[in-house]
Amino acid sequence: MGRKVSMSKNIMFGVAKDIVTPCVETTMLGFGTVFGKSFTGIHDDLYVKCLLLKDGKQILVLLSLDLCFHDDSLPISIGEYLSEKYQIPYNNLLISYTHTHFGPCLKGYDFIFHSPEYESFLLQRIKDCINRAFLNIYEGTIEYTSILGEWNISRRLKVDDVMQRAILPNPDGECDKNMYLLKLTDKSGNVKVIAINFACHPSNLDSYRILSSEYPGRLCHLIEANNYGCTAVFFQGFGGDSKLKIGAKSSKFHPISYEDCNEVASSMALKIQSSLINKKWEVIQPSLSSRMFQIKIPLEVYPLSFFEKELQNFSDNSKVPFDKNMVKDYESNGSLLMWSNAEYVVNNYDRLHDYLILNCGIIRIGKGHYIFTIGGEPSYDVKKVLQELLPEANVLYFGYNDAIAYVPSDKMLEEGGYEAGDGSVTEYRMKGKFKKGIDNYFLEGFRNALNQL
């Protein structure tokens, strides 16, 4: 990796990482099974990673966290820090979560058990990581390529032409099989950063109460082990409707072992390593620009009676309000999670909005190379909708920048299924599912943002 490279137009970049594994007892986030339960061990550490990009005019800050996701209070606090210390506008910050389901409870998805002590610790670690990245600046090149793999599978299945509400493997379904890579190399030819963009919702591990960064973290471990001095940064894609293929061992998804997780990550790492040695990479001429924006998307509002029925079902017709002391360490708490969420909607129904605000953004890395980001859990079909805006460009799609909802396309809303709102509305404490016409909101918002770059 020490081969000298010829520089056509250089970019300045910085990188750092820091551990965000809890050092205090916290409950977990990811499944109803672990709702309200503390973690009992640590399989591998969770990280925040910071990638700075500088072209002489703009400084962009890209953060990846080995966490499920968080509400807007975290990026707002980070944005205030960047503005005050580095005079970097909020518009130049992109934060993305790898969406591990084996991390600590956080504000947003959870409104009951998150720990103020951990939230404070997390914010400070992120600030420290940003500061360290500013002290670790290189001059070099940024290059792009993509590789094809068979690691993920669609989790949307039709039976007798009816989309199933359950999450089931579909070998014939659509998902993004490509992995997109950015390589940042210093002036001596040393690879310092590999940024990985892949769209696949993490799988269930078979150890529910052990902290782990899952396959994104393991992949980064392997890349860093193979390339001494390199930091691997994973950005989750539009993968809300796919899962790891290795977990689809029958007509259902099954929890995978750490050995399974390592097998998938090792296969990915081998492909990446081969691309570093054998593949032709496209050098990007840096011309940084960023536009973060929000899209207001109307909901098809459900009647209050729908959520009252949900509350009856999940509380087993209990007449007492949910209390966190109901959580039992030795029981599955899936119904308690949905009980608390249904009760929240019922109690706050008149105050809840009939729309959702979706965090979105565009980063131009250079001519013909962009990053699109959408909050929540966007699906592959949303990417297909947005691809018409820049059909000739290389666009990386980063999802999971907040904790708001599954994000479907019009096609998915027509088909139904879990990701289209059939089952996930109560989970996310929404007043209803998205209205049809969502594609036009995406296209209008992103088209306007492109015109403002």
Protein backbone atom coordinates (compact mmCIF):
# COMPACT_ATOMS: atom_id res chain seq x y z
CA MET A 1 0.00 0.00 0.00
CA GLY A 2 3.05 2.31 0.00
CA ARG A 3 3.07 2.85 -3.79
CA LYS A 4 3.46 6.52 -4.75
CA VAL A 5 0.52 7.92 -6.67
CA SER A 6 0.35 10.74 -9.14
CA MET A 7 -1.87 13.52 -7.81
CA SER A 8 -4.13 15.31 -10.24
CA LYS A 9 -6.15 17.34 -7.74
CA ASN A 10 -5.76 16.68 -4.07
CA ILE A 11 -8.20 16.69 -1.22
CA MET A 12 -7.47 17.27 2.46
CA PHE A 13 -9.07 14.74 4.77
CA GLY A 14 -9.04 13.76 8.41
CA VAL A 15 -10.20 10.65 10.21
CA ALA A 16 -10.59 9.39 13.77
CA LYS A 17 -12.56 6.89 15.80
CA ASP A 18 -13.53 6.51 19.44
CA ILE A 19 -15.27 3.85 21.51
CA VAL A 20 -18.89 4.57 22.46
CA THR A 21 -19.53 1.26 24.20
CA PRO A 22 -21.43 2.11 27.41
CA CYS A 23 -19.35 2.36 30.57
CA VAL A 24 -22.52 2.58 32.67
CA GLU A 25 -25.40 0.13 32.92
CA THR A 26 -27.96 0.82 30.20
CA THR A 27 -30.89 -1.01 28.73
CA MET A 28 -30.72 -2.24 25.14
CA LEU A 29 -32.45 -1.14 21.97
CA GLY A 30 -33.38 -3.18 18.93
CA PHE A 31 -36.05 -5.74 19.70
CA GLY A 32 -39.16 -5.98 21.83
CA THR A 33 -37.50 -9.01 23.38
CA VAL A 34 -34.90 -6.81 25.11
CA PHE A 35 -37.20 -3.86 25.84
CA GLY A 36 -36.23 -2.48 29.24
CA LYS A 37 -33.48 -5.06 29.81
CA SER A 38 -29.85 -4.18 30.53
CA PHE A 39 -27.03 -5.64 28.50
CA THR A 40 -25.21 -8.51 30.18
CA GLY A 41 -21.93 -8.48 28.27
CA ILE A 42 -19.87 -7.00 25.43
CA HIS A 43 -18.93 -9.13 22.44
CA ASP A 44 -17.21 -6.31 20.56
CA ASP A 45 -16.97 -2.57 21.03
CA LEU A 46 -19.14 0.09 19.44
CA TYR A 47 -17.46 3.05 17.72
CA VAL A 48 -18.05 6.55 16.46
CA LYS A 49 -15.99 7.35 13.37
CA CYS A 50 -15.43 10.80 11.93
CA LEU A 51 -14.40 11.54 8.35
CA LEU A 52 -13.52 15.14 7.46
CA LEU A 53 -13.35 16.29 3.84
CA LYS A 54 -11.72 19.63 2.91
CA ASP A 55 -11.20 21.15 -0.54
CA GLY A 56 -10.04 24.65 0.40
CA LYS A 57 -13.56 26.07 0.31
CA GLN A 58 -15.70 23.67 2.28
CA ILE A 59 -15.24 21.38 5.27
CA LEU A 60 -17.67 18.48 5.52
CA VAL A 61 -18.08 16.30 8.62
CA LEU A 62 -19.36 12.74 8.11
CA LEU A 63 -20.08 10.71 11.24
CA SER A 64 -20.86 7.01 11.46
CA LEU A 65 -21.99 5.44 14.72
CA ASP A 66 -22.36 1.79 15.68
CA LEU A 67 -25.78 2.46 17.16
CA CYS A 68 -29.37 1.71 16.13
CA PHE A 69 -30.36 5.35 15.65
CA HIS A 70 -31.15 8.55 17.57
CA ASP A 71 -33.53 11.47 17.36
CA ASP A 72 -32.53 14.94 16.15
CA SER A 73 -31.32 16.15 19.54
CA LEU A 74 -27.93 14.48 19.00
CA PRO A 75 -27.06 15.97 15.58
CA ILE A 76 -28.37 19.35 16.75
CA SER A 77 -25.97 19.27 19.71
CA ILE A 78 -23.10 18.17 17.45
CA GLY A 79 -23.98 20.90 14.96
CA GLU A 80 -23.89 23.54 17.67
CA TYR A 81 -20.47 22.31 18.75
CA LEU A 82 -19.12 22.38 15.17
CA SER A 83 -20.45 25.88 14.63
CA GLU A 84 -19.03 27.24 17.87
CA LYS A 85 -15.59 25.61 17.74
CA TYR A 86 -14.88 25.23 14.02
CA GLN A 87 -17.34 27.65 12.37
CA ILE A 88 -18.74 24.75 10.34
CA PRO A 89 -22.43 25.18 9.48
CA TYR A 90 -25.02 22.54 10.33
CA ASN A 91 -25.53 22.15 6.59
CA ASN A 92 -22.09 20.50 6.38
CA LEU A 93 -22.80 17.74 8.92
CA LEU A 94 -24.00 14.27 7.96
CA ILE A 95 -24.60 11.66 10.64
CA SER A 96 -25.52 8.03 9.95
CA TYR A 97 -26.09 5.01 12.16
CA THR A 98 -25.06 1.48 11.18
CA HIS A 99 -28.34 0.32 12.79
CA THR A 100 -26.95 -2.40 15.04
CA HIS A 101 -29.76 -3.92 17.10
CA PHE A 102 -27.32 -4.83 19.86
CA GLY A 103 -26.48 -1.43 21.27
CA PRO A 104 -27.69 0.80 24.11
CA CYS A 105 -31.09 2.39 24.39
CA LEU A 106 -31.20 5.90 22.88
CA LYS A 107 -33.54 8.87 22.65
CA GLY A 108 -35.94 8.75 19.74
CA TYR A 109 -37.03 5.18 19.22
CA ASP A 110 -37.19 4.82 23.00
CA PHE A 111 -38.93 7.37 25.22
CA ILE A 112 -38.83 5.45 28.50
CA PHE A 113 -35.53 3.74 29.28
CA HIS A 114 -32.75 5.82 27.68
CA SER A 115 -29.99 6.87 30.07
CA PRO A 116 -29.12 10.59 30.48
CA GLU A 117 -25.71 9.51 31.76
CA TYR A 118 -24.99 7.52 28.61
CA GLU A 119 -26.37 10.29 26.39
CA SER A 120 -23.90 12.73 27.97
CA PHE A 121 -21.04 10.25 27.59
CA LEU A 122 -21.95 9.65 23.93
CA LEU A 123 -22.00 13.34 23.04
CA GLN A 124 -18.61 13.91 24.66
CA ARG A 125 -17.05 10.94 22.86
CA ILE A 126 -18.34 12.28 19.53
CA LYS A 127 -16.86 15.70 20.25
CA ASP A 128 -13.53 14.09 21.17
CA CYS A 129 -13.57 12.08 17.96
CA ILE A 130 -14.21 15.19 15.85
CA ASN A 131 -11.38 17.02 17.61
CA ARG A 132 -9.01 14.12 16.98
CA ALA A 133 -9.93 14.07 13.28
CA PHE A 134 -8.95 17.74 13.02
CA LEU A 135 -5.56 16.80 14.47
CA ASN A 136 -5.09 13.99 11.94
CA ILE A 137 -5.23 15.70 8.55
CA TYR A 138 -3.77 14.26 5.34
CA GLU A 139 -3.41 15.49 1.79
CA GLY A 140 -4.17 12.97 -0.91
CA THR A 141 -6.75 11.63 -3.33
CA ILE A 142 -10.29 10.30 -3.07
CA GLU A 143 -11.32 7.47 -5.40
CA TYR A 144 -14.51 5.52 -6.07
CA THR A 145 -15.47 2.00 -7.10
CA SER A 146 -18.22 -0.55 -6.50
CA ILE A 147 -18.27 -4.32 -6.09
CA LEU A 148 -21.02 -6.89 -6.49
CA GLY A 149 -21.87 -9.50 -3.88
CA GLU A 150 -24.52 -12.00 -2.77
CA TRP A 151 -24.73 -11.03 0.87
CA ASN A 152 -28.27 -9.66 1.23
CA ILE A 153 -31.78 -10.78 0.37
CA SER A 154 -35.16 -9.04 0.16
CA ARG A 155 -37.37 -9.44 3.22
CA ARG A 156 -40.62 -8.58 1.39
CA LEU A 157 -42.53 -11.66 0.20
CA LYS A 158 -45.79 -11.98 -1.69
CA VAL A 159 -47.91 -15.10 -1.25
CA ASP A 160 -50.75 -15.54 -3.75
CA ASP A 161 -50.00 -12.01 -4.94
CA VAL A 162 -50.51 -10.58 -1.45
CA MET A 163 -47.59 -8.86 0.30
CA GLN A 164 -47.06 -10.49 3.67
CA ARG A 165 -47.08 -8.40 6.82
CA ALA A 166 -44.42 -10.66 8.33
CA ILE A 167 -40.73 -10.19 7.49
CA LEU A 168 -39.88 -13.18 5.27
CA PRO A 169 -37.02 -13.97 2.84
CA ASN A 170 -37.73 -13.50 -0.84
CA PRO A 171 -34.94 -14.84 -3.12
CA ASP A 172 -36.66 -13.25 -6.13
CA GLY A 173 -37.21 -9.88 -4.48
CA GLU A 174 -35.24 -6.75 -5.25
CA CYS A 175 -32.39 -5.45 -3.12
CA ASP A 176 -29.19 -3.55 -3.80
CA LYS A 177 -26.46 -6.14 -4.40
CA ASN A 178 -23.69 -3.57 -4.86
CA MET A 179 -21.27 -2.29 -2.25
CA TYR A 180 -19.97 1.22 -2.89
CA LEU A 181 -16.48 2.26 -1.79
CA LEU A 182 -14.50 5.45 -1.34
CA LYS A 183 -10.74 5.16 -0.90
CA LEU A 184 -8.73 8.03 0.56
CA THR A 185 -4.99 7.77 0.01
CA ASP A 186 -2.23 10.04 1.31
CA LYS A 187 0.55 11.55 -0.82
CA SER A 188 2.81 8.57 -0.12
CA GLY A 189 0.24 6.16 -1.51
CA ASN A 190 -0.91 4.81 1.86
CA VAL A 191 -4.61 3.97 2.11
CA LYS A 192 -5.82 5.87 5.17
CA VAL A 193 -9.61 5.53 4.84
CA ILE A 194 -12.00 3.06 3.25
CA ALA A 195 -15.59 4.33 3.37
CA ILE A 196 -18.10 1.51 2.82
CA ASN A 197 -21.71 2.03 1.74
CA PHE A 198 -23.88 -1.10 1.72
CA ALA A 199 -27.64 -1.49 2.03
CA CYS A 200 -28.62 -4.32 4.35
CA HIS A 201 -30.57 -4.20 7.60
CA PRO A 202 -28.43 -6.01 10.22
CA SER A 203 -29.53 -9.52 11.18
CA ASN A 204 -30.63 -10.89 14.51
CA LEU A 205 -27.73 -12.35 16.45
CA ASP A 206 -28.51 -15.31 18.65
CA SER A 207 -27.18 -13.62 21.81
CA TYR A 208 -29.82 -11.00 22.44
CA ARG A 209 -28.36 -9.17 25.43
CA ILE A 210 -24.72 -8.90 24.40
CA LEU A 211 -23.48 -5.65 22.83
CA SER A 212 -22.14 -5.97 19.30
CA SER A 213 -21.57 -3.82 16.22
CA GLU A 214 -22.82 -6.77 14.09
CA TYR A 215 -21.60 -7.30 10.51
CA PRO A 216 -20.76 -3.60 9.80
CA GLY A 217 -18.39 -3.50 12.75
CA ARG A 218 -16.80 -6.86 12.00
CA LEU A 219 -16.23 -5.83 8.39
CA CYS A 220 -14.44 -2.68 9.55
CA HIS A 221 -12.28 -4.74 11.96
CA LEU A 222 -11.12 -6.94 9.07
CA ILE A 223 -10.41 -4.07 6.67
CA GLU A 224 -8.33 -2.31 9.32
CA ALA A 225 -6.45 -5.51 10.16
CA ASN A 226 -5.58 -6.02 6.48
CA ASN A 227 -4.51 -2.41 5.91
CA TYR A 228 -2.33 -1.18 8.76
CA GLY A 229 -2.99 2.49 9.50
CA CYS A 230 -6.31 2.52 7.64
CA THR A 231 -9.66 3.41 9.23
CA ALA A 232 -12.75 1.72 7.79
CA VAL A 233 -16.00 3.69 8.04
CA PHE A 234 -19.35 2.00 7.35
CA PHE A 235 -22.37 3.97 6.15
CA GLN A 236 -25.65 2.03 6.12
CA GLY A 237 -27.52 2.31 2.83
CA PHE A 238 -31.18 2.20 1.83
CA GLY A 239 -31.56 -1.31 3.24
CA GLY A 240 -34.73 -1.18 5.33
CA ASP A 241 -36.24 -3.95 3.23
CA SER A 242 -33.32 -6.43 3.11
CA LYS A 243 -31.44 -8.65 5.55
CA LEU A 244 -28.38 -10.86 5.49
CA LYS A 245 -28.84 -13.86 3.24
CA ILE A 246 -27.04 -16.15 5.68
CA GLY A 247 -29.98 -15.80 8.09
CA ALA A 248 -32.51 -17.00 5.48
CA LYS A 249 -31.94 -20.69 6.10
CA SER A 250 -35.51 -21.78 5.37
CA SER A 251 -38.78 -20.02 4.63
CA LYS A 252 -38.06 -17.71 7.59
CA PHE A 253 -35.21 -15.62 8.92
CA HIS A 254 -33.34 -17.15 11.83
CA PRO A 255 -30.96 -15.56 14.34
CA ILE A 256 -27.36 -15.89 13.22
CA SER A 257 -24.29 -16.77 15.29
CA TYR A 258 -21.15 -14.67 15.66
CA GLU A 259 -19.49 -17.25 13.40
CA ASP A 260 -22.12 -16.56 10.72
CA CYS A 261 -21.59 -12.84 11.14
CA ASN A 262 -17.84 -13.29 10.78
CA GLU A 263 -18.31 -15.44 7.67
CA VAL A 264 -20.33 -12.73 5.91
CA ALA A 265 -17.96 -9.94 6.94
CA SER A 266 -14.93 -12.01 5.87
CA SER A 267 -16.45 -12.55 2.42
CA MET A 268 -17.07 -8.82 2.10
CA ALA A 269 -13.55 -7.99 3.29
CA LEU A 270 -11.98 -10.36 0.76
CA LYS A 271 -13.83 -8.65 -2.07
CA ILE A 272 -12.77 -5.23 -0.83
CA GLN A 273 -9.16 -6.32 -0.43
CA SER A 274 -9.16 -7.74 -3.94
CA SER A 275 -10.51 -4.45 -5.27
CA LEU A 276 -7.68 -2.56 -3.55
CA ILE A 277 -5.14 -4.72 -5.34
CA ASN A 278 -6.73 -5.49 -8.70
CA LYS A 279 -9.59 -3.12 -9.45
CA LYS A 280 -9.39 0.17 -11.31
CA TRP A 281 -10.63 3.03 -9.14
CA GLU A 282 -12.01 6.30 -10.45
CA VAL A 283 -10.20 9.36 -9.12
CA ILE A 284 -12.70 12.02 -8.00
CA GLN A 285 -11.88 15.66 -8.65
CA PRO A 286 -13.02 17.19 -5.33
CA SER A 287 -15.57 19.99 -5.48
CA LEU A 288 -17.37 19.83 -2.15
CA SER A 289 -20.85 21.18 -1.56
CA SER A 290 -23.64 20.21 0.81
CA ARG A 291 -27.34 20.87 1.18
CA MET A 292 -29.29 19.41 4.11
CA PHE A 293 -33.06 19.88 4.04
CA GLN A 294 -36.34 18.47 5.30
CA ILE A 295 -39.37 17.06 3.51
CA LYS A 296 -42.82 17.30 5.07
CA ILE A 297 -44.73 14.15 4.14
CA PRO A 298 -48.44 13.80 4.95
CA LEU A 299 -49.83 10.74 6.71
CA GLU A 300 -52.93 8.71 6.06
CA VAL A 301 -54.25 9.29 9.56
CA TYR A 302 -55.75 6.30 11.36
CA PRO A 303 -58.72 6.83 13.68
CA LEU A 304 -58.16 6.88 17.42
CA SER A 305 -60.12 3.63 17.63
CA PHE A 306 -57.34 1.83 15.71
CA PHE A 307 -54.79 2.64 18.42
CA GLU A 308 -57.28 1.93 21.21
CA LYS A 309 -57.68 -1.55 19.72
CA GLU A 310 -53.90 -1.89 19.47
CA LEU A 311 -53.65 -0.92 23.12
CA GLN A 312 -56.24 -3.52 24.11
CA ASN A 313 -54.47 -6.22 22.14
CA PHE A 314 -50.96 -5.54 23.43
CA SER A 315 -52.04 -4.93 27.03
CA ASP A 316 -54.22 -8.06 27.01
CA ASN A 317 -57.22 -5.83 27.81
CA SER A 318 -55.55 -4.50 30.93
CA LYS A 319 -57.21 -1.44 32.43
CA VAL A 320 -54.03 -0.22 34.15
CA PRO A 321 -51.53 2.09 32.42
CA PHE A 322 -48.16 0.80 31.29
CA ASP A 323 -45.44 1.06 33.91
CA LYS A 324 -41.78 0.29 33.30
CA ASN A 325 -41.75 -1.78 36.47
CA MET A 326 -43.84 -4.31 34.53
CA VAL A 327 -40.70 -5.30 32.63
CA LYS A 328 -39.41 -8.65 33.82
CA ASP A 329 -35.80 -9.59 33.28
CA TYR A 330 -36.63 -13.20 32.45
CA GLU A 331 -39.54 -12.62 30.04
CA SER A 332 -39.87 -11.52 26.42
CA ASN A 333 -41.10 -7.94 26.46
CA GLY A 334 -42.23 -7.47 22.86
CA SER A 335 -45.85 -6.86 23.80
CA LEU A 336 -44.77 -4.36 26.47
CA LEU A 337 -42.89 -2.29 23.90
CA MET A 338 -45.96 -2.12 21.67
CA TRP A 339 -48.23 -1.59 24.71
CA SER A 340 -46.23 1.47 25.74
CA ASN A 341 -46.18 2.83 22.18
CA ALA A 342 -49.92 2.31 21.58
CA GLU A 343 -50.69 3.95 24.91
CA TYR A 344 -48.48 6.92 23.95
CA VAL A 345 -50.41 7.45 20.71
CA VAL A 346 -53.79 7.13 22.45
CA ASN A 347 -52.80 9.62 25.16
CA ASN A 348 -51.27 12.09 22.70
CA TYR A 349 -53.48 11.50 19.67
CA ASP A 350 -54.77 15.08 19.34
CA ARG A 351 -51.26 16.51 19.70
CA LEU A 352 -49.59 14.24 17.17
CA HIS A 353 -49.01 15.68 13.70
CA ASP A 354 -50.71 14.36 10.58
CA TYR A 355 -47.35 14.48 8.82
CA LEU A 356 -43.71 13.48 9.38
CA ILE A 357 -40.65 15.62 8.83
CA LEU A 358 -38.01 13.59 7.02
CA ASN A 359 -34.35 14.65 7.27
CA CYS A 360 -32.69 14.56 3.85
CA GLY A 361 -29.52 15.84 2.25
CA ILE A 362 -27.17 15.90 -0.72
CA ILE A 363 -23.40 16.09 -0.68
CA ARG A 364 -21.44 16.68 -3.85
CA ILE A 365 -18.02 15.11 -3.50
CA GLY A 366 -16.91 16.07 -6.99
CA LYS A 367 -18.17 16.15 -10.54
CA GLY A 368 -20.40 13.12 -11.10
CA HIS A 369 -20.07 11.85 -7.51
CA TYR A 370 -22.68 12.50 -4.82
CA ILE A 371 -24.12 11.29 -1.54
CA PHE A 372 -27.90 11.27 -0.99
CA THR A 373 -29.19 10.77 2.56
CA ILE A 374 -32.67 10.09 3.96
CA GLY A 375 -33.63 9.59 7.59
CA GLY A 376 -35.44 6.65 9.11
CA GLU A 377 -35.19 3.26 7.45
CA PRO A 378 -35.37 3.91 3.69
CA SER A 379 -35.93 1.02 1.31
CA TYR A 380 -34.23 0.07 -1.94
CA ASP A 381 -37.21 1.15 -4.01
CA VAL A 382 -36.77 4.71 -2.70
CA LYS A 383 -33.28 4.67 -4.16
CA LYS A 384 -34.71 3.54 -7.49
CA VAL A 385 -37.07 6.53 -7.43
CA LEU A 386 -34.23 8.99 -6.78
CA GLN A 387 -31.91 7.49 -9.37
CA GLU A 388 -33.78 9.27 -12.16
CA LEU A 389 -32.42 12.61 -10.92
CA LEU A 390 -28.76 11.80 -11.70
CA PRO A 391 -28.86 8.76 -13.99
CA GLU A 392 -25.24 9.13 -15.15
CA ALA A 393 -23.67 9.98 -11.79
CA ASN A 394 -22.18 7.73 -9.10
CA VAL A 395 -24.40 8.28 -6.08
CA LEU A 396 -23.94 6.74 -2.64
CA TYR A 397 -27.15 6.44 -0.63
CA PHE A 398 -26.86 6.81 3.17
CA GLY A 399 -29.92 6.01 5.29
CA TYR A 400 -30.57 5.98 9.03
CA ASN A 401 -29.76 9.58 9.94
CA ASP A 402 -32.57 9.71 12.52
CA ALA A 403 -35.11 7.47 14.29
CA ILE A 404 -38.40 8.29 12.61
CA ALA A 405 -39.98 5.47 10.55
CA TYR A 406 -39.64 2.96 7.76
CA VAL A 407 -39.55 4.98 4.54
CA PRO A 408 -41.33 3.33 1.58
CA SER A 409 -42.01 4.30 -2.03
CA ASP A 410 -45.40 4.64 -3.69
CA LYS A 411 -44.96 1.17 -5.15
CA MET A 412 -44.44 -0.25 -1.67
CA LEU A 413 -47.44 1.64 -0.26
CA GLU A 414 -49.55 0.09 -2.99
CA GLU A 415 -48.20 -3.40 -2.22
CA GLY A 416 -48.46 -3.11 1.57
CA GLY A 417 -46.25 -5.04 3.96
CA TYR A 418 -44.43 -4.23 7.17
CA GLU A 419 -42.14 -1.52 5.76
CA ALA A 420 -45.15 0.19 4.13
CA GLY A 421 -46.78 0.70 7.53
CA ASP A 422 -48.63 -2.59 8.05
CA GLY A 423 -47.36 -3.26 11.55
CA SER A 424 -44.71 -0.57 11.92
CA VAL A 425 -47.02 2.43 12.53
CA THR A 426 -47.51 1.66 16.21
CA GLU A 427 -43.85 0.68 16.58
CA TYR A 428 -42.83 4.21 15.57
CA ARG A 429 -45.72 5.97 17.36
CA MET A 430 -47.00 7.41 14.09
CA LYS A 431 -50.56 8.67 13.65
CA GLY A 432 -50.86 6.67 10.43
CA LYS A 433 -48.84 5.46 7.48
CA PHE A 434 -47.47 7.66 4.70
CA LYS A 435 -49.95 8.82 2.08
CA LYS A 436 -49.49 7.82 -1.52
CA GLY A 437 -47.68 10.45 -3.54
CA ILE A 438 -44.49 10.13 -1.50
CA ASP A 439 -42.35 9.66 -4.63
CA ASN A 440 -43.15 13.18 -5.81
CA TYR A 441 -42.17 14.63 -2.44
CA PHE A 442 -38.80 12.88 -2.72
CA LEU A 443 -38.20 14.00 -6.29
CA GLU A 444 -39.24 17.60 -5.68
CA GLY A 445 -37.16 17.91 -2.50
CA PHE A 446 -34.00 16.40 -3.94
CA ARG A 447 -34.35 18.22 -7.27
CA ASN A 448 -34.62 21.56 -5.46
CA ALA A 449 -31.60 20.72 -3.31
CA LEU A 450 -29.53 19.79 -6.37
CA ASN A 451 -30.34 23.16 -7.89
CA GLN A 452 -29.09 24.88 -4.74
CA LEU A 453 -25.69 23.15 -4.60
